[in-house]
Amino acid sequence: MASMGASESITKPDVGYKDGILTGTAEEIAACAMTRKRMRADVIKVLAGEGRSQRALAAHVVQLVSEQKPELVVEFAPQLTDALFRPEAQTRWRALSALEAIARVNAKAIDKTIPHAVTSLHDVDSGIVRLSAFRLLCEYGGTTNRRSETVWPYIDEALRVYHGDPEFPHMLTAVHRLVSCSASDEVKAAAVSRLKFDADNASGVIGHRAKLILACAAPPPKTRKKKQAATD
């Protein structure tokens, strides 16, 4: 069979945006978006569009950009928050992941996101959406004492309600990050109280991660200062 000629070869569509449609893989579009502001704006337009597959692709692109250069997507925090109301779980959890990345560099930009993240924490359809919301709340709470106290009641409730769920070990990783950062002493003490049973009784990953949280959050033991021996 004769080989296909150059004129007959199948050409790959260009990476870009045209007539409301993104073309290319998420990785290709993200690479373009990291160097072109117009491309980033086009991706955000698609995120608010009507096509589910295109919205999911746009959310994936924003997530990839946020993982490498979160400062490039800070301005889109309101649009990412709006994406939490899309029907497909893939768009929701990827938007939450991008918002988590924003929290690391500019937590104030997502102040208005937090009530909607709390709603996502109780998503009835998707465990990964609930986990992504939990991670976002922990990341946000770890930025200041005040923020940690704002979100801790929701984190504490989730630790109780979702205990034993497949996502629970990953939730503990997020709590460890929370107490390792700028959580208040009150929140650290509450984390110790909540997870002491798992630290003392659970085996495997859960027990190990609970112990890490207690080691990080528990106040150091008080020690008596030894009296210096009198010297001549």
Protein backbone atom coordinates (compact mmCIF):
# COMPACT_ATOMS: atom_id res chain seq x y z
CA MET A 1 0.00 0.00 0.00
CA ALA A 2 1.41 3.36 -1.00
CA SER A 3 2.38 5.65 1.82
CA MET A 4 0.20 8.69 2.41
CA GLY A 5 1.57 11.77 0.70
CA ALA A 6 2.27 15.04 2.44
CA SER A 7 -0.85 16.61 0.95
CA GLU A 8 -2.98 13.76 2.26
CA SER A 9 -1.51 13.63 5.77
CA ILE A 10 -3.78 14.42 8.65
CA THR A 11 -2.76 17.69 10.20
CA LYS A 12 -3.33 18.43 13.84
CA PRO A 13 -5.50 21.49 14.50
CA ASP A 14 -3.68 24.53 15.79
CA VAL A 15 -3.69 25.18 19.51
CA GLY A 16 -5.89 28.14 20.26
CA TYR A 17 -9.37 29.61 20.52
CA LYS A 18 -11.83 30.31 17.72
CA ASP A 19 -15.58 30.84 17.63
CA GLY A 20 -15.90 29.99 21.31
CA ILE A 21 -14.01 26.69 21.00
CA LEU A 22 -10.64 25.72 22.48
CA THR A 23 -8.48 23.45 20.33
CA GLY A 24 -5.54 21.38 21.49
CA THR A 25 -4.84 19.36 24.61
CA ALA A 26 -5.09 20.89 28.06
CA GLU A 27 -1.31 20.76 28.36
CA GLU A 28 -0.79 22.50 25.01
CA ILE A 29 -3.32 25.22 25.76
CA ALA A 30 -1.89 25.75 29.25
CA ALA A 31 1.62 26.19 27.85
CA CYS A 32 0.24 28.85 25.53
CA ALA A 33 -1.81 30.50 28.26
CA MET A 34 1.21 30.88 30.52
CA THR A 35 2.79 33.26 28.04
CA ARG A 36 -0.27 34.91 26.51
CA LYS A 37 -2.71 36.96 28.56
CA ARG A 38 -5.27 36.94 25.74
CA MET A 39 -5.24 33.15 25.76
CA ARG A 40 -5.92 33.10 29.48
CA ALA A 41 -8.89 35.43 28.99
CA ASP A 42 -10.24 33.18 26.21
CA VAL A 43 -9.98 30.12 28.45
CA ILE A 44 -11.99 31.90 31.13
CA LYS A 45 -14.68 32.74 28.55
CA VAL A 46 -15.01 29.05 27.74
CA LEU A 47 -15.23 28.23 31.45
CA ALA A 48 -18.50 30.18 31.50
CA GLY A 49 -19.76 28.68 28.23
CA GLU A 50 -22.53 26.20 27.54
CA GLY A 51 -20.57 23.12 26.45
CA ARG A 52 -19.72 20.73 29.26
CA SER A 53 -16.67 19.19 27.58
CA GLN A 54 -15.29 22.62 26.72
CA ARG A 55 -15.89 23.88 30.27
CA ALA A 56 -14.10 20.83 31.66
CA LEU A 57 -11.20 21.43 29.26
CA ALA A 58 -11.00 25.10 30.28
CA ALA A 59 -11.02 24.16 33.97
CA HIS A 60 -8.21 21.68 33.35
CA VAL A 61 -6.17 24.37 31.60
CA VAL A 62 -6.63 26.84 34.45
CA GLN A 63 -5.67 24.16 36.96
CA LEU A 64 -2.47 23.38 35.07
CA VAL A 65 -1.53 27.06 34.86
CA SER A 66 -2.27 27.55 38.56
CA GLU A 67 0.00 24.67 39.52
CA GLN A 68 2.98 26.35 37.89
CA LYS A 69 2.18 30.06 38.01
CA PRO A 70 -0.74 30.72 40.38
CA GLU A 71 -0.17 34.47 40.20
CA LEU A 72 -1.39 34.39 36.59
CA VAL A 73 -4.90 33.27 37.58
CA VAL A 74 -5.46 35.38 40.71
CA GLU A 75 -7.51 37.91 38.74
CA PHE A 76 -9.89 35.15 37.69
CA ALA A 77 -10.89 34.13 41.22
CA PRO A 78 -14.49 35.40 40.73
CA GLN A 79 -14.93 33.41 37.51
CA LEU A 80 -13.45 30.30 39.12
CA THR A 81 -15.83 30.73 42.03
CA ASP A 82 -18.72 30.96 39.60
CA ALA A 83 -17.52 27.69 38.02
CA LEU A 84 -18.34 25.90 41.28
CA PHE A 85 -21.96 26.00 40.15
CA ARG A 86 -21.39 24.04 36.93
CA PRO A 87 -23.16 20.67 36.77
CA GLU A 88 -20.12 18.55 35.84
CA ALA A 89 -17.92 17.49 38.74
CA GLN A 90 -14.72 17.73 36.71
CA THR A 91 -15.15 21.46 36.21
CA ARG A 92 -16.00 21.99 39.88
CA TRP A 93 -13.09 20.13 41.39
CA ARG A 94 -10.54 21.58 38.99
CA ALA A 95 -11.81 25.10 39.71
CA LEU A 96 -11.45 24.38 43.44
CA SER A 97 -7.91 23.16 42.84
CA ALA A 98 -7.03 26.38 41.02
CA LEU A 99 -8.58 28.42 43.84
CA GLU A 100 -6.46 26.46 46.32
CA ALA A 101 -3.36 27.48 44.37
CA ILE A 102 -4.52 31.11 44.45
CA ALA A 103 -4.89 30.88 48.23
CA ARG A 104 -1.18 30.12 48.51
CA VAL A 105 -0.17 33.40 46.90
CA ASN A 106 -3.12 35.73 47.60
CA ALA A 107 -5.65 34.38 50.09
CA LYS A 108 -7.52 37.68 50.21
CA ALA A 109 -8.50 37.20 46.56
CA ILE A 110 -10.71 34.27 47.52
CA ASP A 111 -12.35 35.70 50.65
CA LYS A 112 -15.72 35.69 48.87
CA THR A 113 -15.17 32.13 47.64
CA ILE A 114 -15.21 30.56 51.09
CA PRO A 115 -19.03 30.30 51.56
CA HIS A 116 -19.27 28.54 48.20
CA ALA A 117 -16.36 26.26 49.09
CA VAL A 118 -18.28 25.30 52.22
CA THR A 119 -21.25 24.40 50.02
CA SER A 120 -18.95 22.30 47.83
CA LEU A 121 -17.72 20.54 50.96
CA HIS A 122 -21.16 18.93 51.15
CA ASP A 123 -21.41 18.02 47.46
CA VAL A 124 -23.67 14.97 47.30
CA ASP A 125 -22.41 13.66 43.98
CA SER A 126 -18.62 13.74 44.07
CA GLY A 127 -16.04 12.75 46.65
CA ILE A 128 -13.26 14.50 44.75
CA VAL A 129 -15.25 17.75 44.80
CA ARG A 130 -15.66 17.43 48.58
CA LEU A 131 -11.94 16.69 48.98
CA SER A 132 -10.96 19.63 46.77
CA ALA A 133 -13.18 21.96 48.79
CA PHE A 134 -11.65 20.63 52.01
CA ARG A 135 -8.12 21.19 50.70
CA LEU A 136 -9.03 24.73 49.70
CA LEU A 137 -10.41 25.52 53.16
CA CYS A 138 -7.27 24.13 54.82
CA GLU A 139 -5.00 26.09 52.51
CA TYR A 140 -6.94 29.29 53.15
CA GLY A 141 -7.05 28.67 56.89
CA GLY A 142 -3.32 28.14 57.04
CA THR A 143 -2.59 31.72 55.96
CA THR A 144 -3.53 33.55 59.20
CA ASN A 145 -4.79 32.82 62.71
CA ARG A 146 -8.08 34.57 61.97
CA ARG A 147 -8.74 32.65 58.77
CA SER A 148 -7.95 29.35 60.47
CA GLU A 149 -10.58 30.08 63.10
CA THR A 150 -13.09 31.08 60.41
CA VAL A 151 -12.84 27.79 58.53
CA TRP A 152 -12.06 25.35 61.36
CA PRO A 153 -15.72 24.61 62.28
CA TYR A 154 -16.32 23.40 58.70
CA ILE A 155 -13.07 21.42 58.64
CA ASP A 156 -13.88 19.84 61.99
CA GLU A 157 -17.37 18.86 60.86
CA ALA A 158 -16.00 17.32 57.66
CA LEU A 159 -13.43 15.29 59.63
CA ARG A 160 -16.29 13.89 61.70
CA VAL A 161 -18.78 13.30 58.89
CA TYR A 162 -16.38 11.85 56.30
CA HIS A 163 -14.31 9.77 58.70
CA GLY A 164 -13.70 6.44 56.99
CA ASP A 165 -14.43 7.70 53.47
CA PRO A 166 -11.82 6.95 50.77
CA GLU A 167 -10.82 10.62 50.75
CA PHE A 168 -10.17 10.76 54.50
CA PRO A 169 -6.40 10.03 54.39
CA HIS A 170 -5.96 12.88 51.90
CA MET A 171 -7.99 15.14 54.17
CA LEU A 172 -5.48 14.47 56.95
CA THR A 173 -2.65 15.62 54.68
CA ALA A 174 -4.49 18.93 54.22
CA VAL A 175 -5.01 19.28 57.98
CA HIS A 176 -1.30 18.67 58.55
CA ARG A 177 -0.54 21.53 56.19
CA LEU A 178 -3.05 23.73 58.02
CA VAL A 179 -1.51 23.20 61.46
CA SER A 180 2.01 23.46 60.02
CA CYS A 181 1.33 26.97 58.78
CA SER A 182 -0.33 29.92 60.56
CA ALA A 183 -3.25 28.24 62.30
CA SER A 184 -4.07 29.69 65.72
CA ASP A 185 -3.18 27.85 68.91
CA GLU A 186 -6.91 27.27 69.48
CA VAL A 187 -7.29 25.59 66.09
CA LYS A 188 -4.19 23.47 66.68
CA ALA A 189 -5.56 22.36 70.03
CA ALA A 190 -8.91 21.51 68.42
CA ALA A 191 -7.12 19.48 65.73
CA VAL A 192 -5.29 17.52 68.42
CA SER A 193 -8.57 16.84 70.21
CA ARG A 194 -10.32 15.74 67.02
CA LEU A 195 -7.56 13.39 65.82
CA LYS A 196 -6.14 12.00 69.06
CA PHE A 197 -8.30 8.88 68.82
CA ASP A 198 -7.00 8.10 65.33
CA ALA A 199 -3.42 8.79 66.40
CA ASP A 200 -3.78 6.38 69.32
CA ASN A 201 -5.84 3.67 67.67
CA ALA A 202 -5.76 3.77 63.88
CA SER A 203 -3.19 1.83 61.91
CA GLY A 204 -1.70 2.38 58.51
CA VAL A 205 -1.83 5.69 56.68
CA ILE A 206 -4.57 7.21 58.84
CA GLY A 207 -2.76 6.48 62.09
CA HIS A 208 0.55 7.73 60.71
CA ARG A 209 -0.89 10.99 59.42
CA ALA A 210 -2.89 11.60 62.58
CA LYS A 211 0.32 11.19 64.60
CA LEU A 212 2.07 13.71 62.34
CA ILE A 213 -0.71 16.22 62.98
CA LEU A 214 -0.48 15.75 66.75
CA ALA A 215 3.30 16.05 66.68
CA CYS A 216 3.00 19.31 64.78
CA ALA A 217 0.00 20.81 66.58
CA ALA A 218 0.44 19.71 70.18
CA PRO A 219 2.14 22.24 72.47
CA PRO A 220 5.66 21.28 73.51
CA PRO A 221 5.88 19.61 76.92
CA LYS A 222 6.86 21.83 79.79
CA THR A 223 10.27 21.07 81.21
CA ARG A 224 11.79 22.18 84.43
CA LYS A 225 14.99 24.10 84.20
CA LYS A 226 17.76 22.38 86.00
CA LYS A 227 19.33 24.42 88.69
CA GLN A 228 22.92 25.13 87.99
CA ALA A 229 25.22 23.57 90.49
CA ALA A 230 26.99 26.10 92.64
CA THR A 231 30.55 26.51 91.73
CA ASP A 232 33.35 27.66 93.89
